[in-house]
Amino acid sequence: MEVRELPDPEPGPEEVVVDVAATALNRADLLQRIGRYPQPGPRPEHEIPGLEFAGRVGAVGPRVTAWKVGDPVMGILAGGGYASKVAVHERQAIPVPAGLDPADAAAIPEVWLTAWDALVLQGGLGPGGVALVHGGASGVGTAAIQIARWAGARVVVTCSAGKVDRCVELGADAAVDYRDGDPLAAVRAVSGGRGADVVLDVVGGENLDLNLDALALRGRIVQVGTMGEGSAPLALGKLMMKRASLIGTVLRSRPLEEKAALAQRFARELVPAFADGRFRPVIDRRFPLTEIGAAHDYLATNANVGKVVIDV
């Protein structure tokens, strides 16, 4: 990857152009870099990775009513976030929470929308529920811990041994070393033997059988990533006996209307919790855009707890 000068984007009639303060890395970026996860839709003239942004509105289209120049906004993209300017539909833009610097807000959009959509909107997690979250120290995982507690639920996470304490500090009821620990026993202990109502899995593959064993009756597995194997045997008998659901989901390829509706609901329901301190983005490390290659290399080591932010 290299940094190049390109023409500035122009806003469409219902778009805003955002002067980007920062973006953040996601696993999808690493896959795109090696050709395994191209941007959906027609191939763009310039391949610019990046699934999220935060900054200030620099220009507005003639039919824009929700924003004015200077407003701090954040949001998700199908691609193009590694840039100093991005154009986005006005209804996809989300207000930066009051009191939060846009450069820090870049750690919010992709992982918080993913975790909230998976746990609450698709998983149905609510008061008294129990969630099992794999990759608890990842960007999605650190968001999921906080969202589960906000929803009135208890949460068990898996992570590497050196990240157990950080996950507990964030609010996990139990954090288990995925190499040597027993997540099934932890779920049973936290749930009183009932099992997890929702499993949020970013790993896939070898986790599937464990996830089925960990589920409560009528529980849901929401698969949001495949950091491990992309396929695995499915024990249909277990799925049937628990009347369970296995749900696959992505944000990137959803149509504009779905993304806009999700963004608007997130702005109403979750943004206030950042402003009053109930939520906080977890930032592990920052890199300047000129060191984007080193930032990718760091994310690939799995050493991070939370997000890797890129200052533009």
C-alpha atoms as a PDB file:
ATOM      1  CA  MET A   1       0.000   0.000   0.000  1.00  0.00           C
ATOM      2  CA  GLU A   2       1.057   3.544  -0.633  1.00  0.00           C
ATOM      3  CA  VAL A   3      -0.326   7.027  -0.064  1.00  0.00           C
ATOM      4  CA  ARG A   4      -1.251   8.933  -3.238  1.00  0.00           C
ATOM      5  CA  GLU A   5      -2.896  12.247  -4.105  1.00  0.00           C
ATOM      6  CA  LEU A   6      -6.318  11.813  -5.762  1.00  0.00           C
ATOM      7  CA  PRO A   7      -9.052  14.275  -6.787  1.00  0.00           C
ATOM      8  CA  ASP A   8     -11.344  15.358  -3.954  1.00  0.00           C
ATOM      9  CA  PRO A   9     -14.791  13.705  -3.949  1.00  0.00           C
ATOM     10  CA  GLU A  10     -17.813  15.863  -4.771  1.00  0.00           C
ATOM     11  CA  PRO A  11     -21.036  15.404  -2.796  1.00  0.00           C
ATOM     12  CA  GLY A  12     -24.067  13.983  -4.554  1.00  0.00           C
ATOM     13  CA  PRO A  13     -27.431  15.675  -4.008  1.00  0.00           C
ATOM     14  CA  GLU A  14     -28.037  13.872  -0.682  1.00  0.00           C
ATOM     15  CA  GLU A  15     -24.418  13.330   0.297  1.00  0.00           C
ATOM     16  CA  VAL A  16     -21.948  15.030   2.584  1.00  0.00           C
ATOM     17  CA  VAL A  17     -18.189  15.141   2.091  1.00  0.00           C
ATOM     18  CA  VAL A  18     -16.389  14.578   5.374  1.00  0.00           C
ATOM     19  CA  ASP A  19     -12.909  15.891   6.175  1.00  0.00           C
ATOM     20  CA  VAL A  20     -11.606  12.753   7.863  1.00  0.00           C
ATOM     21  CA  ALA A  21      -9.769  13.087  11.172  1.00  0.00           C
ATOM     22  CA  ALA A  22      -9.192   9.362  11.612  1.00  0.00           C
ATOM     23  CA  THR A  23     -10.191   5.903  10.456  1.00  0.00           C
ATOM     24  CA  ALA A  24      -9.571   2.501  12.054  1.00  0.00           C
ATOM     25  CA  LEU A  25      -8.470  -0.967  11.005  1.00  0.00           C
ATOM     26  CA  ASN A  26     -10.645  -4.053  10.644  1.00  0.00           C
ATOM     27  CA  ARG A  27      -9.856  -7.663   9.803  1.00  0.00           C
ATOM     28  CA  ALA A  28     -11.605  -7.166   6.474  1.00  0.00           C
ATOM     29  CA  ASP A  29      -8.848  -4.701   5.526  1.00  0.00           C
ATOM     30  CA  LEU A  30      -6.200  -7.393   5.918  1.00  0.00           C
ATOM     31  CA  LEU A  31      -8.203  -9.737   3.703  1.00  0.00           C
ATOM     32  CA  GLN A  32      -8.764  -7.027   1.091  1.00  0.00           C
ATOM     33  CA  ARG A  33      -5.053  -6.311   1.016  1.00  0.00           C
ATOM     34  CA  ILE A  34      -4.330  -9.906  -0.093  1.00  0.00           C
ATOM     35  CA  GLY A  35      -7.205  -9.991  -2.578  1.00  0.00           C
ATOM     36  CA  ARG A  36      -9.676 -12.108  -0.588  1.00  0.00           C
ATOM     37  CA  TYR A  37     -12.349  -9.511   0.278  1.00  0.00           C
ATOM     38  CA  PRO A  38     -12.831  -6.921  -2.480  1.00  0.00           C
ATOM     39  CA  GLN A  39     -15.127  -3.952  -2.041  1.00  0.00           C
ATOM     40  CA  PRO A  40     -18.688  -4.953  -3.053  1.00  0.00           C
ATOM     41  CA  GLY A  41     -20.227  -3.530  -6.202  1.00  0.00           C
ATOM     42  CA  PRO A  42     -18.474  -2.278  -9.338  1.00  0.00           C
ATOM     43  CA  ARG A  43     -14.705  -2.132  -9.028  1.00  0.00           C
ATOM     44  CA  PRO A  44     -13.743   1.430  -8.042  1.00  0.00           C
ATOM     45  CA  GLU A  45     -11.290   3.422 -10.142  1.00  0.00           C
ATOM     46  CA  HIS A  46      -8.965   3.656  -7.129  1.00  0.00           C
ATOM     47  CA  GLU A  47      -8.905   0.869  -4.556  1.00  0.00           C
ATOM     48  CA  ILE A  48      -8.923   2.625  -1.190  1.00  0.00           C
ATOM     49  CA  PRO A  49      -9.562   0.308   1.763  1.00  0.00           C
ATOM     50  CA  GLY A  50     -11.196   1.409   5.001  1.00  0.00           C
ATOM     51  CA  LEU A  51     -14.631   0.629   6.436  1.00  0.00           C
ATOM     52  CA  GLU A  52     -15.170   3.559   8.812  1.00  0.00           C
ATOM     53  CA  PHE A  53     -14.421   7.220   9.360  1.00  0.00           C
ATOM     54  CA  ALA A  54     -14.820  10.106  11.775  1.00  0.00           C
ATOM     55  CA  GLY A  55     -14.302  13.805  11.113  1.00  0.00           C
ATOM     56  CA  ARG A  56     -16.207  16.970  10.274  1.00  0.00           C
ATOM     57  CA  VAL A  57     -18.553  17.798   7.423  1.00  0.00           C
ATOM     58  CA  GLY A  58     -16.664  19.820   4.819  1.00  0.00           C
ATOM     59  CA  ALA A  59     -19.289  20.108   2.082  1.00  0.00           C
ATOM     60  CA  VAL A  60     -22.963  19.232   1.597  1.00  0.00           C
ATOM     61  CA  GLY A  61     -25.102  18.342  -1.405  1.00  0.00           C
ATOM     62  CA  PRO A  62     -28.018  20.565  -2.420  1.00  0.00           C
ATOM     63  CA  ARG A  63     -30.712  18.331  -0.875  1.00  0.00           C
ATOM     64  CA  VAL A  64     -28.945  17.659   2.431  1.00  0.00           C
ATOM     65  CA  THR A  65     -31.017  18.721   5.450  1.00  0.00           C
ATOM     66  CA  ALA A  66     -29.517  16.809   8.380  1.00  0.00           C
ATOM     67  CA  TRP A  67     -26.016  18.327   8.462  1.00  0.00           C
ATOM     68  CA  LYS A  68     -24.131  21.556   7.971  1.00  0.00           C
ATOM     69  CA  VAL A  69     -20.461  22.302   7.350  1.00  0.00           C
ATOM     70  CA  GLY A  70     -18.432  21.790  10.516  1.00  0.00           C
ATOM     71  CA  ASP A  71     -20.666  19.133  12.130  1.00  0.00           C
ATOM     72  CA  PRO A  72     -18.688  16.246  13.699  1.00  0.00           C
ATOM     73  CA  VAL A  73     -19.801  12.919  12.190  1.00  0.00           C
ATOM     74  CA  MET A  74     -18.762   9.281  11.979  1.00  0.00           C
ATOM     75  CA  GLY A  75     -19.969   6.250  10.064  1.00  0.00           C
ATOM     76  CA  ILE A  76     -19.336   3.062   8.124  1.00  0.00           C
ATOM     77  CA  LEU A  77     -18.369   2.636   4.474  1.00  0.00           C
ATOM     78  CA  ALA A  78     -18.113  -0.168   1.931  1.00  0.00           C
ATOM     79  CA  GLY A  79     -14.588   1.134   1.289  1.00  0.00           C
ATOM     80  CA  GLY A  80     -12.593   4.330   0.982  1.00  0.00           C
ATOM     81  CA  GLY A  81     -11.954   5.138   4.638  1.00  0.00           C
ATOM     82  CA  TYR A  82      -8.177   5.439   4.272  1.00  0.00           C
ATOM     83  CA  ALA A  83      -8.525   8.915   2.818  1.00  0.00           C
ATOM     84  CA  SER A  84      -8.560  12.535   3.901  1.00  0.00           C
ATOM     85  CA  LYS A  85     -12.047  13.035   2.426  1.00  0.00           C
ATOM     86  CA  VAL A  86     -14.999  10.676   1.958  1.00  0.00           C
ATOM     87  CA  ALA A  87     -18.451  11.154   0.453  1.00  0.00           C
ATOM     88  CA  VAL A  88     -21.354   9.449   2.213  1.00  0.00           C
ATOM     89  CA  HIS A  89     -25.156   9.654   2.119  1.00  0.00           C
ATOM     90  CA  GLU A  90     -26.401  12.024   4.794  1.00  0.00           C
ATOM     91  CA  ARG A  91     -28.472   9.307   6.495  1.00  0.00           C
ATOM     92  CA  GLN A  92     -25.421   7.069   6.922  1.00  0.00           C
ATOM     93  CA  ALA A  93     -23.609   9.730   8.921  1.00  0.00           C
ATOM     94  CA  ILE A  94     -23.872   9.445  12.712  1.00  0.00           C
ATOM     95  CA  PRO A  95     -23.214  12.325  15.124  1.00  0.00           C
ATOM     96  CA  VAL A  96     -19.976  12.055  17.060  1.00  0.00           C
ATOM     97  CA  PRO A  97     -20.972  11.700  20.747  1.00  0.00           C
ATOM     98  CA  ALA A  98     -20.816  14.936  22.743  1.00  0.00           C
ATOM     99  CA  GLY A  99     -17.486  15.375  24.476  1.00  0.00           C
ATOM    100  CA  LEU A 100     -15.655  12.877  22.242  1.00  0.00           C
ATOM    101  CA  ASP A 101     -12.917  13.945  19.850  1.00  0.00           C
ATOM    102  CA  PRO A 102     -13.641  12.813  16.256  1.00  0.00           C
ATOM    103  CA  ALA A 103     -10.141  11.303  16.143  1.00  0.00           C
ATOM    104  CA  ASP A 104     -11.215   8.919  18.940  1.00  0.00           C
ATOM    105  CA  ALA A 105     -14.704   8.387  17.545  1.00  0.00           C
ATOM    106  CA  ALA A 106     -13.130   6.574  14.585  1.00  0.00           C
ATOM    107  CA  ALA A 107     -12.873   3.553  16.893  1.00  0.00           C
ATOM    108  CA  ILE A 108     -16.662   3.299  17.160  1.00  0.00           C
ATOM    109  CA  PRO A 109     -18.632   2.787  13.926  1.00  0.00           C
ATOM    110  CA  GLU A 110     -17.733  -0.608  12.452  1.00  0.00           C
ATOM    111  CA  VAL A 111     -17.304  -2.668  15.605  1.00  0.00           C
ATOM    112  CA  TRP A 112     -20.024  -1.069  17.721  1.00  0.00           C
ATOM    113  CA  LEU A 113     -22.605  -1.317  14.952  1.00  0.00           C
ATOM    114  CA  THR A 114     -21.563  -4.932  14.332  1.00  0.00           C
ATOM    115  CA  ALA A 115     -21.718  -5.947  17.995  1.00  0.00           C
ATOM    116  CA  TRP A 116     -25.024  -4.164  18.697  1.00  0.00           C
ATOM    117  CA  ASP A 117     -26.693  -5.474  15.550  1.00  0.00           C
ATOM    118  CA  ALA A 118     -25.512  -9.035  16.252  1.00  0.00           C
ATOM    119  CA  LEU A 119     -26.189  -9.232  19.985  1.00  0.00           C
ATOM    120  CA  VAL A 120     -29.342  -7.152  20.356  1.00  0.00           C
ATOM    121  CA  LEU A 121     -31.093  -6.694  17.007  1.00  0.00           C
ATOM    122  CA  GLN A 122     -30.449 -10.169  15.567  1.00  0.00           C
ATOM    123  CA  GLY A 123     -29.532 -12.089  18.703  1.00  0.00           C
ATOM    124  CA  GLY A 124     -32.351 -10.678  20.846  1.00  0.00           C
ATOM    125  CA  LEU A 125     -30.133 -10.248  23.921  1.00  0.00           C
ATOM    126  CA  GLY A 126     -31.918  -8.441  26.726  1.00  0.00           C
ATOM    127  CA  PRO A 127     -32.243  -8.155  30.512  1.00  0.00           C
ATOM    128  CA  GLY A 128     -31.388 -11.375  32.308  1.00  0.00           C
ATOM    129  CA  GLY A 129     -29.804 -12.904  29.230  1.00  0.00           C
ATOM    130  CA  VAL A 130     -26.368 -14.445  28.838  1.00  0.00           C
ATOM    131  CA  ALA A 131     -23.982 -13.944  25.925  1.00  0.00           C
ATOM    132  CA  LEU A 132     -20.872 -15.860  24.910  1.00  0.00           C
ATOM    133  CA  VAL A 133     -18.527 -13.662  22.879  1.00  0.00           C
ATOM    134  CA  HIS A 134     -15.476 -15.072  21.124  1.00  0.00           C
ATOM    135  CA  GLY A 135     -12.559 -12.714  20.562  1.00  0.00           C
ATOM    136  CA  GLY A 136     -13.451 -10.691  23.634  1.00  0.00           C
ATOM    137  CA  ALA A 137     -10.407  -8.420  23.350  1.00  0.00           C
ATOM    138  CA  SER A 138     -10.991  -7.540  19.701  1.00  0.00           C
ATOM    139  CA  GLY A 139     -12.698  -4.368  18.598  1.00  0.00           C
ATOM    140  CA  VAL A 140     -16.020  -6.192  18.251  1.00  0.00           C
ATOM    141  CA  GLY A 141     -15.429  -8.037  21.519  1.00  0.00           C
ATOM    142  CA  THR A 142     -14.645  -4.966  23.629  1.00  0.00           C
ATOM    143  CA  ALA A 143     -17.783  -3.311  22.240  1.00  0.00           C
ATOM    144  CA  ALA A 144     -19.854  -6.452  22.824  1.00  0.00           C
ATOM    145  CA  ILE A 145     -18.877  -6.648  26.490  1.00  0.00           C
ATOM    146  CA  GLN A 146     -20.111  -3.124  27.113  1.00  0.00           C
ATOM    147  CA  ILE A 147     -23.270  -3.564  25.042  1.00  0.00           C
ATOM    148  CA  ALA A 148     -24.212  -6.776  26.852  1.00  0.00           C
ATOM    149  CA  ARG A 149     -23.926  -5.052  30.226  1.00  0.00           C
ATOM    150  CA  TRP A 150     -25.920  -2.078  28.925  1.00  0.00           C
ATOM    151  CA  ALA A 151     -28.634  -4.499  27.781  1.00  0.00           C
ATOM    152  CA  GLY A 152     -28.874  -5.943  31.300  1.00  0.00           C
ATOM    153  CA  ALA A 153     -27.232  -9.232  30.353  1.00  0.00           C
ATOM    154  CA  ARG A 154     -24.241 -11.177  31.600  1.00  0.00           C
ATOM    155  CA  VAL A 155     -21.338 -11.969  29.309  1.00  0.00           C
ATOM    156  CA  VAL A 156     -18.632 -14.633  29.023  1.00  0.00           C
ATOM    157  CA  VAL A 157     -15.753 -14.049  26.608  1.00  0.00           C
ATOM    158  CA  THR A 158     -12.896 -16.046  25.175  1.00  0.00           C
ATOM    159  CA  CYS A 159      -9.529 -14.414  24.547  1.00  0.00           C
ATOM    160  CA  SER A 160      -5.811 -15.114  24.825  1.00  0.00           C
ATOM    161  CA  ALA A 161      -4.348 -15.530  28.308  1.00  0.00           C
ATOM    162  CA  GLY A 162      -2.692 -12.132  28.413  1.00  0.00           C
ATOM    163  CA  LYS A 163      -5.977 -10.335  27.723  1.00  0.00           C
ATOM    164  CA  VAL A 164      -8.177 -11.990  30.356  1.00  0.00           C
ATOM    165  CA  ASP A 165      -7.776  -9.239  32.955  1.00  0.00           C
ATOM    166  CA  ARG A 166      -8.523  -6.463  30.461  1.00  0.00           C
ATOM    167  CA  CYS A 167     -11.779  -8.134  29.442  1.00  0.00           C
ATOM    168  CA  VAL A 168     -12.854  -8.463  33.067  1.00  0.00           C
ATOM    169  CA  GLU A 169     -11.990  -4.807  33.659  1.00  0.00           C
ATOM    170  CA  LEU A 170     -14.292  -3.886  30.775  1.00  0.00           C
ATOM    171  CA  GLY A 171     -17.166  -5.756  32.425  1.00  0.00           C
ATOM    172  CA  ALA A 172     -17.015  -9.400  31.372  1.00  0.00           C
ATOM    173  CA  ASP A 173     -18.497 -11.722  34.014  1.00  0.00           C
ATOM    174  CA  ALA A 174     -15.950 -14.351  32.993  1.00  0.00           C
ATOM    175  CA  ALA A 175     -13.018 -14.335  30.571  1.00  0.00           C
ATOM    176  CA  VAL A 176     -11.528 -17.643  29.459  1.00  0.00           C
ATOM    177  CA  ASP A 177      -8.227 -18.389  27.743  1.00  0.00           C
ATOM    178  CA  TYR A 178      -9.343 -19.908  24.470  1.00  0.00           C
ATOM    179  CA  ARG A 179      -6.304 -22.208  24.359  1.00  0.00           C
ATOM    180  CA  ASP A 180      -6.409 -23.782  27.821  1.00  0.00           C
ATOM    181  CA  GLY A 181      -9.661 -22.655  29.435  1.00  0.00           C
ATOM    182  CA  ASP A 182     -13.151 -24.169  29.464  1.00  0.00           C
ATOM    183  CA  PRO A 183     -15.641 -21.667  28.028  1.00  0.00           C
ATOM    184  CA  LEU A 184     -18.485 -24.184  28.267  1.00  0.00           C
ATOM    185  CA  ALA A 185     -17.983 -24.509  32.029  1.00  0.00           C
ATOM    186  CA  ALA A 186     -17.817 -20.716  32.355  1.00  0.00           C
ATOM    187  CA  VAL A 187     -21.094 -20.277  30.455  1.00  0.00           C
ATOM    188  CA  ARG A 188     -22.802 -22.861  32.629  1.00  0.00           C
ATOM    189  CA  ALA A 189     -21.508 -21.212  35.799  1.00  0.00           C
ATOM    190  CA  VAL A 190     -22.581 -17.714  34.783  1.00  0.00           C
ATOM    191  CA  SER A 191     -25.983 -18.858  33.461  1.00  0.00           C
ATOM    192  CA  GLY A 192     -26.809 -21.242  36.314  1.00  0.00           C
ATOM    193  CA  GLY A 193     -26.613 -24.181  33.935  1.00  0.00           C
ATOM    194  CA  ARG A 194     -29.066 -22.739  31.396  1.00  0.00           C
ATOM    195  CA  GLY A 195     -26.582 -21.833  28.665  1.00  0.00           C
ATOM    196  CA  ALA A 196     -26.032 -18.775  26.493  1.00  0.00           C
ATOM    197  CA  ASP A 197     -28.957 -17.033  24.828  1.00  0.00           C
ATOM    198  CA  VAL A 198     -26.657 -15.551  22.186  1.00  0.00           C
ATOM    199  CA  VAL A 199     -23.217 -16.537  20.919  1.00  0.00           C
ATOM    200  CA  LEU A 200     -21.320 -13.846  19.010  1.00  0.00           C
ATOM    201  CA  ASP A 201     -18.566 -15.526  17.029  1.00  0.00           C
ATOM    202  CA  VAL A 202     -15.835 -13.884  14.968  1.00  0.00           C
ATOM    203  CA  VAL A 203     -13.785 -17.085  14.619  1.00  0.00           C
ATOM    204  CA  GLY A 204     -15.983 -19.788  13.062  1.00  0.00           C
ATOM    205  CA  GLY A 205     -14.653 -23.208  12.124  1.00  0.00           C
ATOM    206  CA  GLU A 206     -13.692 -25.153  15.200  1.00  0.00           C
ATOM    207  CA  ASN A 207     -15.975 -23.053  17.424  1.00  0.00           C
ATOM    208  CA  LEU A 208     -19.241 -24.250  15.904  1.00  0.00           C
ATOM    209  CA  ASP A 209     -19.659 -27.433  17.938  1.00  0.00           C
ATOM    210  CA  LEU A 210     -18.692 -25.619  21.145  1.00  0.00           C
ATOM    211  CA  ASN A 211     -21.190 -22.883  20.357  1.00  0.00           C
ATOM    212  CA  LEU A 212     -24.006 -25.409  19.950  1.00  0.00           C
ATOM    213  CA  ASP A 213     -23.096 -27.053  23.261  1.00  0.00           C
ATOM    214  CA  ALA A 214     -23.019 -23.651  24.985  1.00  0.00           C
ATOM    215  CA  LEU A 215     -26.443 -22.537  23.733  1.00  0.00           C
ATOM    216  CA  ALA A 216     -29.540 -22.355  25.872  1.00  0.00           C
ATOM    217  CA  LEU A 217     -32.811 -23.686  24.509  1.00  0.00           C
ATOM    218  CA  ARG A 218     -33.871 -21.533  21.540  1.00  0.00           C
ATOM    219  CA  GLY A 219     -30.491 -19.786  21.601  1.00  0.00           C
ATOM    220  CA  ARG A 220     -28.922 -18.021  18.632  1.00  0.00           C
ATOM    221  CA  ILE A 221     -25.423 -18.168  17.176  1.00  0.00           C
ATOM    222  CA  VAL A 222     -24.612 -14.992  15.233  1.00  0.00           C
ATOM    223  CA  GLN A 223     -21.591 -15.470  12.976  1.00  0.00           C
ATOM    224  CA  VAL A 224     -19.918 -12.162  12.117  1.00  0.00           C
ATOM    225  CA  GLY A 225     -16.474 -13.350  10.997  1.00  0.00           C
ATOM    226  CA  THR A 226     -14.247 -16.298  10.156  1.00  0.00           C
ATOM    227  CA  MET A 227     -10.834 -15.565  11.623  1.00  0.00           C
ATOM    228  CA  GLY A 228     -10.403 -19.348  11.872  1.00  0.00           C
ATOM    229  CA  GLU A 229     -11.705 -21.848   9.339  1.00  0.00           C
ATOM    230  CA  GLY A 230     -14.445 -20.769   6.985  1.00  0.00           C
ATOM    231  CA  SER A 231     -16.244 -24.114   7.146  1.00  0.00           C
ATOM    232  CA  ALA A 232     -17.041 -26.732   9.772  1.00  0.00           C
ATOM    233  CA  PRO A 233     -19.248 -29.821  10.265  1.00  0.00           C
ATOM    234  CA  LEU A 234     -22.683 -28.913  11.612  1.00  0.00           C
ATOM    235  CA  ALA A 235     -24.279 -31.246  14.157  1.00  0.00           C
ATOM    236  CA  LEU A 236     -27.850 -30.906  12.957  1.00  0.00           C
ATOM    237  CA  GLY A 237     -29.169 -32.997  15.836  1.00  0.00           C
ATOM    238  CA  LYS A 238     -27.834 -30.502  18.385  1.00  0.00           C
ATOM    239  CA  LEU A 239     -29.252 -27.598  16.415  1.00  0.00           C
ATOM    240  CA  MET A 240     -32.675 -29.253  16.233  1.00  0.00           C
ATOM    241  CA  MET A 241     -32.874 -30.442  19.839  1.00  0.00           C
ATOM    242  CA  LYS A 242     -32.119 -26.944  21.121  1.00  0.00           C
ATOM    243  CA  ARG A 243     -34.430 -25.354  18.539  1.00  0.00           C
ATOM    244  CA  ALA A 244     -31.473 -23.101  17.901  1.00  0.00           C
ATOM    245  CA  SER A 245     -30.734 -20.603  15.136  1.00  0.00           C
ATOM    246  CA  LEU A 246     -27.472 -20.096  13.256  1.00  0.00           C
ATOM    247  CA  ILE A 247     -27.379 -16.612  11.741  1.00  0.00           C
ATOM    248  CA  GLY A 248     -24.752 -15.302   9.346  1.00  0.00           C
ATOM    249  CA  THR A 249     -24.346 -11.562   8.948  1.00  0.00           C
ATOM    250  CA  VAL A 250     -22.149  -8.832   7.446  1.00  0.00           C
ATOM    251  CA  LEU A 251     -22.478  -5.049   7.312  1.00  0.00           C
ATOM    252  CA  ARG A 252     -20.305  -4.189   4.340  1.00  0.00           C
ATOM    253  CA  SER A 253     -22.478  -5.470   1.506  1.00  0.00           C
ATOM    254  CA  ARG A 254     -25.850  -4.342   2.865  1.00  0.00           C
ATOM    255  CA  PRO A 255     -27.789  -1.888   0.674  1.00  0.00           C
ATOM    256  CA  LEU A 256     -27.849   1.807   1.462  1.00  0.00           C
ATOM    257  CA  GLU A 257     -31.348   1.757   2.965  1.00  0.00           C
ATOM    258  CA  GLU A 258     -30.416  -0.934   5.488  1.00  0.00           C
ATOM    259  CA  LYS A 259     -27.194   0.812   6.462  1.00  0.00           C
ATOM    260  CA  ALA A 260     -28.967   4.147   6.802  1.00  0.00           C
ATOM    261  CA  ALA A 261     -31.728   2.687   8.996  1.00  0.00           C
ATOM    262  CA  LEU A 262     -29.157   0.990  11.213  1.00  0.00           C
ATOM    263  CA  ALA A 263     -27.105   4.189  11.499  1.00  0.00           C
ATOM    264  CA  GLN A 264     -30.118   6.290  12.434  1.00  0.00           C
ATOM    265  CA  ARG A 265     -31.255   3.835  15.094  1.00  0.00           C
ATOM    266  CA  PHE A 266     -27.710   3.615  16.490  1.00  0.00           C
ATOM    267  CA  ALA A 267     -27.638   7.404  16.736  1.00  0.00           C
ATOM    268  CA  ARG A 268     -30.876   7.422  18.732  1.00  0.00           C
ATOM    269  CA  GLU A 269     -30.266   4.460  21.026  1.00  0.00           C
ATOM    270  CA  LEU A 270     -26.515   4.132  21.617  1.00  0.00           C
ATOM    271  CA  VAL A 271     -24.790   7.453  20.929  1.00  0.00           C
ATOM    272  CA  PRO A 272     -26.203   8.988  24.159  1.00  0.00           C
ATOM    273  CA  ALA A 273     -24.503   6.245  26.165  1.00  0.00           C
ATOM    274  CA  PHE A 274     -21.103   7.401  24.880  1.00  0.00           C
ATOM    275  CA  ALA A 275     -21.900  10.985  25.776  1.00  0.00           C
ATOM    276  CA  ASP A 276     -22.794  10.142  29.395  1.00  0.00           C
ATOM    277  CA  GLY A 277     -19.879   7.753  29.947  1.00  0.00           C
ATOM    278  CA  ARG A 278     -21.667   4.399  29.971  1.00  0.00           C
ATOM    279  CA  PHE A 279     -19.789   3.406  26.800  1.00  0.00           C
ATOM    280  CA  ARG A 280     -16.235   4.155  25.777  1.00  0.00           C
ATOM    281  CA  PRO A 281     -14.307   3.200  22.665  1.00  0.00           C
ATOM    282  CA  VAL A 282     -11.270   1.062  23.434  1.00  0.00           C
ATOM    283  CA  ILE A 283      -8.200   2.212  21.501  1.00  0.00           C
ATOM    284  CA  ASP A 284      -5.120   0.027  21.619  1.00  0.00           C
ATOM    285  CA  ARG A 285      -2.699   1.986  19.427  1.00  0.00           C
ATOM    286  CA  ARG A 286      -2.574   4.780  16.863  1.00  0.00           C
ATOM    287  CA  PHE A 287      -0.596   5.074  13.622  1.00  0.00           C
ATOM    288  CA  PRO A 288      -0.372   7.914  11.088  1.00  0.00           C
ATOM    289  CA  LEU A 289      -1.757   7.148   7.623  1.00  0.00           C
ATOM    290  CA  THR A 290       1.790   7.191   6.240  1.00  0.00           C
ATOM    291  CA  GLU A 291       2.513   4.088   8.375  1.00  0.00           C
ATOM    292  CA  ILE A 292      -0.543   2.130   7.251  1.00  0.00           C
ATOM    293  CA  GLY A 293       1.547  -0.910   6.309  1.00  0.00           C
ATOM    294  CA  ALA A 294       3.051  -1.114   9.788  1.00  0.00           C
ATOM    295  CA  ALA A 295      -0.429  -0.748  11.255  1.00  0.00           C
ATOM    296  CA  HIS A 296      -1.645  -3.738   9.218  1.00  0.00           C
ATOM    297  CA  ASP A 297       1.349  -5.770  10.335  1.00  0.00           C
ATOM    298  CA  TYR A 298       0.574  -4.936  13.964  1.00  0.00           C
ATOM    299  CA  LEU A 299      -3.098  -5.903  13.666  1.00  0.00           C
ATOM    300  CA  ALA A 300      -2.063  -9.215  12.105  1.00  0.00           C
ATOM    301  CA  THR A 301      -0.136 -10.114  15.271  1.00  0.00           C
ATOM    302  CA  ASN A 302      -3.385 -10.197  17.318  1.00  0.00           C
ATOM    303  CA  ALA A 303      -1.625  -8.262  20.078  1.00  0.00           C
ATOM    304  CA  ASN A 304      -4.230  -5.503  20.237  1.00  0.00           C
ATOM    305  CA  VAL A 305      -6.956  -5.022  22.824  1.00  0.00           C
ATOM    306  CA  GLY A 306      -9.593  -2.905  21.127  1.00  0.00           C
ATOM    307  CA  LYS A 307      -9.100  -0.839  18.009  1.00  0.00           C
ATOM    308  CA  VAL A 308      -6.086   0.257  16.000  1.00  0.00           C
ATOM    309  CA  VAL A 309      -6.775   3.849  14.914  1.00  0.00           C
ATOM    310  CA  ILE A 310      -5.245   5.582  11.891  1.00  0.00           C
ATOM    311  CA  ASP A 311      -4.804   9.344  12.189  1.00  0.00           C
ATOM    312  CA  VAL A 312      -5.393  10.974   8.802  1.00  0.00           C
END
